[in-house]
Amino acid sequence: MDDAELVLRRLASQAVTGERHSTIEAAAAAQLATQAQDFHGAKWALALRSTGRRPTSTPR
């Protein structure tokens, strides 16, 4: 496996590429944990991994 394939597999396994979760809750559950020292960064990370949401529309 070359570096490019490894990167693609990691992004897919973290739901950054490919099929995304249908809800913010499902994205959070799939990650097992979400670090929120940077609250806006945590919201962005969950929105990135779900469909139909933008970081500005995620719950507070």
Protein backbone atom coordinates (compact mmCIF):
# COMPACT_ATOMS: atom_id res chain seq x y z
CA MET A 1 0.00 0.00 0.00
CA ASP A 2 1.44 3.37 -0.95
CA ASP A 3 1.04 6.64 0.99
CA ALA A 4 -1.77 7.97 -1.21
CA GLU A 5 -3.86 4.83 -0.73
CA LEU A 6 -3.26 4.96 3.03
CA VAL A 7 -4.46 8.57 3.17
CA LEU A 8 -7.61 7.73 1.18
CA ARG A 9 -8.41 4.78 3.44
CA ARG A 10 -7.97 6.87 6.58
CA LEU A 11 -10.24 9.65 5.27
CA ALA A 12 -12.91 7.10 4.32
CA SER A 13 -12.70 5.29 7.66
CA GLN A 14 -13.24 8.60 9.45
CA ALA A 15 -16.25 9.46 7.21
CA VAL A 16 -14.47 12.51 5.76
CA THR A 17 -14.83 11.11 2.23
CA GLY A 18 -17.37 8.68 0.85
CA GLU A 19 -20.60 7.92 2.66
CA ARG A 20 -21.43 10.30 5.49
CA HIS A 21 -23.60 9.82 8.55
CA SER A 22 -27.22 10.93 8.34
CA THR A 23 -27.22 12.88 11.62
CA ILE A 24 -24.82 14.77 13.86
CA GLU A 25 -25.58 12.26 16.62
CA ALA A 26 -24.59 9.34 14.38
CA ALA A 27 -21.35 11.10 13.44
CA ALA A 28 -20.52 11.68 17.13
CA ALA A 29 -21.33 8.07 18.05
CA ALA A 30 -19.15 6.73 15.23
CA GLN A 31 -16.18 8.81 16.42
CA LEU A 32 -16.56 7.43 19.97
CA ALA A 33 -15.29 10.76 21.30
CA THR A 34 -15.17 14.37 20.22
CA GLN A 35 -12.61 16.71 21.72
CA ALA A 36 -14.11 20.12 22.24
CA GLN A 37 -11.36 22.34 23.59
CA ASP A 38 -12.02 24.21 20.36
CA PHE A 39 -15.82 24.21 20.32
CA HIS A 40 -16.15 25.58 16.79
CA GLY A 41 -13.63 23.04 15.50
CA ALA A 42 -15.58 20.21 17.12
CA LYS A 43 -18.82 21.45 15.51
CA TRP A 44 -17.07 21.63 12.14
CA ALA A 45 -15.68 18.09 12.51
CA LEU A 46 -19.15 16.66 13.22
CA ALA A 47 -20.83 18.64 10.43
CA LEU A 48 -18.15 17.48 7.99
CA ARG A 49 -19.01 13.85 8.75
CA SER A 50 -22.79 14.17 8.40
CA THR A 51 -25.16 15.09 5.60
CA GLY A 52 -27.31 18.17 5.36
CA ARG A 53 -25.61 20.13 8.12
CA ARG A 54 -23.24 23.06 8.24
CA PRO A 55 -21.24 23.97 11.36
CA THR A 56 -23.51 26.98 11.91
CA SER A 57 -26.58 24.75 12.13
CA THR A 58 -25.22 22.21 14.63
CA PRO A 59 -26.68 22.27 18.13
CA ARG A 60 -24.88 24.17 20.86
